[in-house]
């Protein structure tokens, strides 16, 4: 008995592609939903802590301001460090060229 090769019609290929895309989309939506559920749980806990006095909104605001100022200073230091590195690289290149 001779085996014949079955050739799928183009419609079947399109259907398979559509199903694959739907499955990928479903996976992406599921991941986003799980992430959103986790975030909602975290936020519910934060709201509960604030409502029961576990977190002080004024203290949190002050802490955020302190951290933002610290971030600004760190960004400035990084920018200065990058400039220093660029100057050093320039000097090294000059020395290499003079050799």
N, C-alpha and C. Protein backbone atom coordinates (compact mmCIF):
# COMPACT_ATOMS: atom_id res chain seq x y z
N UNK A 1 0.82 -1.16 0.00
CA UNK A 1 0.00 0.00 0.00
C UNK A 1 0.89 1.25 0.00
N UNK A 2 0.56 2.13 -0.85
CA UNK A 2 1.35 3.33 -0.99
C UNK A 2 0.76 4.44 -0.14
N UNK A 3 1.66 5.13 0.60
CA UNK A 3 1.18 6.24 1.44
C UNK A 3 1.15 7.51 0.61
N UNK A 4 0.05 8.17 0.65
CA UNK A 4 -0.03 9.43 -0.08
C UNK A 4 0.19 10.56 0.93
N UNK A 5 0.81 11.56 0.46
CA UNK A 5 1.08 12.71 1.31
C UNK A 5 -0.15 13.61 1.32
N UNK A 6 -0.59 13.92 2.52
CA UNK A 6 -1.79 14.75 2.66
C UNK A 6 -1.37 16.22 2.66
N UNK A 7 -1.93 16.96 1.76
CA UNK A 7 -1.63 18.38 1.68
C UNK A 7 -2.83 19.14 2.24
N UNK A 8 -2.53 19.98 3.25
CA UNK A 8 -3.61 20.73 3.90
C UNK A 8 -4.01 21.91 3.02
N UNK A 9 -5.29 22.17 2.96
CA UNK A 9 -5.75 23.32 2.19
C UNK A 9 -5.29 24.61 2.88
N UNK A 10 -5.18 25.71 2.13
CA UNK A 10 -4.73 26.97 2.71
C UNK A 10 -5.61 27.46 3.87
N UNK A 11 -6.87 27.11 3.82
CA UNK A 11 -7.77 27.51 4.90
C UNK A 11 -7.34 26.91 6.22
N UNK A 12 -6.86 25.66 6.17
CA UNK A 12 -6.42 24.99 7.38
C UNK A 12 -5.17 25.68 7.94
N UNK A 13 -4.28 26.10 7.06
CA UNK A 13 -3.09 26.83 7.50
C UNK A 13 -3.48 28.15 8.16
N UNK A 14 -4.42 28.86 7.55
CA UNK A 14 -4.87 30.13 8.12
C UNK A 14 -5.54 29.91 9.46
N UNK A 15 -6.32 28.84 9.58
CA UNK A 15 -6.98 28.52 10.84
C UNK A 15 -5.95 28.20 11.91
N UNK A 16 -4.95 27.42 11.54
CA UNK A 16 -3.90 27.07 12.49
C UNK A 16 -3.16 28.32 12.98
N UNK A 17 -2.85 29.23 12.07
CA UNK A 17 -2.19 30.48 12.42
C UNK A 17 -3.07 31.32 13.34
N UNK A 18 -4.35 31.40 13.02
CA UNK A 18 -5.28 32.17 13.84
C UNK A 18 -5.37 31.59 15.25
N UNK A 19 -5.44 30.27 15.36
CA UNK A 19 -5.51 29.62 16.67
C UNK A 19 -4.22 29.88 17.45
N UNK A 20 -3.08 29.78 16.78
CA UNK A 20 -1.79 30.03 17.43
C UNK A 20 -1.75 31.46 17.98
N UNK A 21 -2.19 32.42 17.17
CA UNK A 21 -2.20 33.83 17.61
C UNK A 21 -3.15 34.03 18.78
N UNK A 22 -4.31 33.39 18.72
CA UNK A 22 -5.26 33.49 19.83
C UNK A 22 -4.67 32.91 21.12
N UNK A 23 -3.97 31.80 21.01
CA UNK A 23 -3.34 31.20 22.19
C UNK A 23 -2.26 32.11 22.76
N UNK A 24 -1.46 32.73 21.89
CA UNK A 24 -0.44 33.66 22.35
C UNK A 24 -1.07 34.87 23.03
N UNK A 25 -2.13 35.39 22.42
CA UNK A 25 -2.83 36.52 23.01
C UNK A 25 -3.43 36.14 24.36
N UNK A 26 -4.01 34.95 24.42
CA UNK A 26 -4.58 34.46 25.67
C UNK A 26 -3.51 34.38 26.76
N UNK A 27 -2.34 33.86 26.42
CA UNK A 27 -1.25 33.78 27.39
C UNK A 27 -0.84 35.17 27.88
N UNK A 28 -0.74 36.11 26.96
CA UNK A 28 -0.35 37.48 27.33
C UNK A 28 -1.40 38.11 28.24
N UNK A 29 -2.66 37.93 27.90
CA UNK A 29 -3.74 38.49 28.72
C UNK A 29 -3.76 37.84 30.11
N UNK A 30 -3.52 36.54 30.15
CA UNK A 30 -3.49 35.83 31.43
C UNK A 30 -2.36 36.36 32.31
N UNK A 31 -1.18 36.57 31.71
CA UNK A 31 -0.05 37.11 32.48
C UNK A 31 -0.36 38.50 33.00
N UNK A 32 -0.97 39.34 32.16
CA UNK A 32 -1.33 40.69 32.59
C UNK A 32 -2.37 40.64 33.70
N UNK A 33 -3.33 39.76 33.59
CA UNK A 33 -4.37 39.64 34.62
C UNK A 33 -3.76 39.19 35.94
N UNK A 34 -2.85 38.23 35.89
CA UNK A 34 -2.20 37.76 37.12
C UNK A 34 -1.40 38.89 37.76
N UNK A 35 -0.70 39.65 36.93
CA UNK A 35 0.07 40.78 37.43
C UNK A 35 -0.85 41.83 38.06
N UNK A 36 -1.96 42.11 37.40
CA UNK A 36 -2.92 43.09 37.91
C UNK A 36 -3.54 42.61 39.23
N UNK A 37 -3.83 41.32 39.32
CA UNK A 37 -4.40 40.78 40.56
C UNK A 37 -3.40 40.90 41.71
N UNK A 38 -2.14 40.64 41.43
CA UNK A 38 -1.10 40.77 42.46
C UNK A 38 -0.99 42.22 42.91
N UNK A 39 -0.97 43.13 41.94
CA UNK A 39 -0.89 44.56 42.26
C UNK A 39 -2.11 45.01 43.06
N UNK A 40 -3.29 44.54 42.69
CA UNK A 40 -4.51 44.90 43.42
C UNK A 40 -4.43 44.41 44.87
N UNK A 41 -3.92 43.21 45.07
CA UNK A 41 -3.77 42.67 46.42
C UNK A 41 -2.80 43.53 47.22
N UNK A 42 -1.70 43.93 46.60
CA UNK A 42 -0.72 44.79 47.28
C UNK A 42 -1.36 46.13 47.66
N UNK A 43 -2.11 46.71 46.72
CA UNK A 43 -2.75 47.99 46.99
C UNK A 43 -3.82 47.88 48.08
N UNK A 44 -4.57 46.78 48.06
CA UNK A 44 -5.57 46.57 49.11
C UNK A 44 -4.89 46.50 50.46
N UNK A 45 -3.75 45.83 50.54
CA UNK A 45 -3.00 45.76 51.80
C UNK A 45 -2.52 47.12 52.24
N UNK A 46 -2.03 47.93 51.29
CA UNK A 46 -1.57 49.28 51.63
C UNK A 46 -2.72 50.15 52.13
N UNK A 47 -3.86 50.05 51.47
CA UNK A 47 -5.04 50.83 51.90
C UNK A 47 -5.47 50.38 53.29
N UNK A 48 -5.47 49.07 53.52
CA UNK A 48 -5.84 48.54 54.83
C UNK A 48 -4.86 49.04 55.90
N UNK A 49 -3.57 49.03 55.58
CA UNK A 49 -2.57 49.53 56.54
C UNK A 49 -2.77 51.00 56.84
N UNK A 50 -3.10 51.78 55.82
CA UNK A 50 -3.32 53.21 56.04
C UNK A 50 -4.60 53.44 56.85
N UNK A 51 -5.62 52.66 56.57
CA UNK A 51 -6.89 52.83 57.28
C UNK A 51 -6.77 52.45 58.75
N UNK A 52 -5.94 51.47 59.05
CA UNK A 52 -5.78 51.02 60.44
C UNK A 52 -4.68 51.78 61.17
N UNK A 53 -4.02 52.71 60.46
CA UNK A 53 -2.96 53.49 61.09
C UNK A 53 -1.59 52.83 60.99
N UNK A 54 -1.50 51.75 60.28
CA UNK A 54 -0.21 51.07 60.12
C UNK A 54 0.77 51.87 59.29
N UNK A 55 0.27 52.68 58.38
CA UNK A 55 1.12 53.55 57.58
C UNK A 55 0.66 54.99 57.76
N UNK A 56 1.60 55.87 57.96
CA UNK A 56 1.29 57.29 58.13
C UNK A 56 1.51 57.99 56.79
N UNK A 57 0.44 58.49 56.17
CA UNK A 57 0.58 59.13 54.86
C UNK A 57 1.54 60.32 54.88
N UNK A 58 1.56 61.07 55.97
CA UNK A 58 2.47 62.22 56.06
C UNK A 58 3.91 61.74 56.10
N UNK A 59 4.16 60.70 56.89
CA UNK A 59 5.52 60.15 56.96
C UNK A 59 5.93 59.58 55.62
N UNK A 60 5.00 58.90 54.94
CA UNK A 60 5.30 58.36 53.62
C UNK A 60 5.63 59.46 52.62
N UNK A 61 4.89 60.55 52.66
CA UNK A 61 5.14 61.68 51.77
C UNK A 61 6.53 62.24 52.02
N UNK A 62 6.87 62.38 53.29
CA UNK A 62 8.21 62.87 53.64
C UNK A 62 9.29 61.93 53.16
N UNK A 63 9.06 60.65 53.31
CA UNK A 63 10.04 59.66 52.87
C UNK A 63 10.21 59.69 51.35
N UNK A 64 9.10 59.84 50.64
CA UNK A 64 9.16 59.93 49.17
C UNK A 64 9.97 61.16 48.75
N UNK A 65 9.71 62.29 49.41
CA UNK A 65 10.45 63.51 49.08
C UNK A 65 11.94 63.33 49.34
N UNK A 66 12.28 62.70 50.45
CA UNK A 66 13.68 62.44 50.78
C UNK A 66 14.32 61.55 49.72
N UNK A 67 13.63 60.50 49.34
CA UNK A 67 14.17 59.58 48.33
C UNK A 67 14.30 60.25 46.97
N UNK A 68 13.34 61.11 46.61
CA UNK A 68 13.43 61.82 45.34
C UNK A 68 14.63 62.75 45.32
N UNK A 69 14.88 63.43 46.42
CA UNK A 69 16.06 64.31 46.52
C UNK A 69 17.34 63.49 46.43
N UNK A 70 17.36 62.36 47.10
CA UNK A 70 18.52 61.47 47.03
C UNK A 70 18.76 61.00 45.60
N UNK A 71 17.69 60.66 44.90
CA UNK A 71 17.81 60.25 43.50
C UNK A 71 18.38 61.38 42.64
N UNK A 72 17.92 62.60 42.86
CA UNK A 72 18.45 63.74 42.10
C UNK A 72 19.95 63.88 42.33
N UNK A 73 20.37 63.78 43.59
CA UNK A 73 21.79 63.90 43.91
C UNK A 73 22.59 62.77 43.27
N UNK A 74 22.06 61.57 43.32
CA UNK A 74 22.75 60.43 42.72
C UNK A 74 22.86 60.58 41.21
N UNK A 75 21.82 61.10 40.58
CA UNK A 75 21.88 61.33 39.13
C UNK A 75 22.96 62.36 38.79
N UNK A 76 23.06 63.40 39.63
CA UNK A 76 24.11 64.41 39.41
C UNK A 76 25.49 63.78 39.56
N UNK A 77 25.66 62.96 40.58
CA UNK A 77 26.95 62.30 40.79
C UNK A 77 27.29 61.38 39.62
N UNK A 78 26.28 60.66 39.11
CA UNK A 78 26.52 59.79 37.95
C UNK A 78 26.92 60.61 36.73
N UNK A 79 26.26 61.73 36.52
CA UNK A 79 26.60 62.58 35.38
C UNK A 79 28.02 63.10 35.51
N UNK A 80 28.41 63.51 36.72
CA UNK A 80 29.77 63.97 36.94
C UNK A 80 30.77 62.84 36.72
N UNK A 81 30.44 61.64 37.19
CA UNK A 81 31.32 60.49 37.01
C UNK A 81 31.47 60.17 35.53
N UNK A 82 30.38 60.26 34.77
CA UNK A 82 30.46 59.99 33.33
C UNK A 82 31.36 61.01 32.64
N UNK A 83 31.27 62.27 33.05
CA UNK A 83 32.14 63.29 32.47
C UNK A 83 33.60 63.01 32.80
N UNK A 84 33.86 62.60 34.04
CA UNK A 84 35.22 62.27 34.45
C UNK A 84 35.76 61.10 33.64
N UNK A 85 34.93 60.08 33.45
CA UNK A 85 35.35 58.91 32.66
C UNK A 85 35.65 59.34 31.23
N UNK A 86 34.83 60.20 30.66
CA UNK A 86 35.06 60.67 29.29
C UNK A 86 36.38 61.44 29.19
N UNK A 87 36.68 62.28 30.20
CA UNK A 87 37.95 63.00 30.19
C UNK A 87 39.13 62.04 30.27
N UNK A 88 39.01 61.03 31.15
CA UNK A 88 40.08 60.04 31.30
C UNK A 88 40.26 59.27 30.00
N UNK A 89 39.15 58.87 29.38
CA UNK A 89 39.25 58.16 28.09
C UNK A 89 39.92 59.03 27.03
N UNK A 90 39.60 60.30 27.01
CA UNK A 90 40.22 61.21 26.07
C UNK A 90 41.72 61.29 26.30
N UNK A 91 42.12 61.38 27.55
CA UNK A 91 43.56 61.44 27.87
C UNK A 91 44.25 60.14 27.47
N UNK A 92 43.60 59.00 27.74
CA UNK A 92 44.19 57.72 27.37
C UNK A 92 44.36 57.60 25.86
N UNK A 93 43.36 58.05 25.14
CA UNK A 93 43.45 58.01 23.68
C UNK A 93 44.59 58.89 23.17
N UNK A 94 44.76 60.05 23.81
CA UNK A 94 45.83 60.96 23.43
C UNK A 94 47.19 60.29 23.69
N UNK A 95 47.33 59.68 24.86
CA UNK A 95 48.58 59.00 25.21
C UNK A 95 48.86 57.88 24.23
N UNK A 96 47.84 57.10 23.89
CA UNK A 96 47.99 55.99 22.93
C UNK A 96 48.42 56.52 21.56
N UNK A 97 47.86 57.62 21.14
CA UNK A 97 48.21 58.19 19.85
C UNK A 97 49.63 58.73 19.82
N UNK A 98 50.10 59.20 20.97
CA UNK A 98 51.46 59.76 21.05
C UNK A 98 52.53 58.68 21.10
N UNK A 99 52.18 57.47 21.38
CA UNK A 99 53.16 56.38 21.45
C UNK A 99 53.71 56.09 20.13
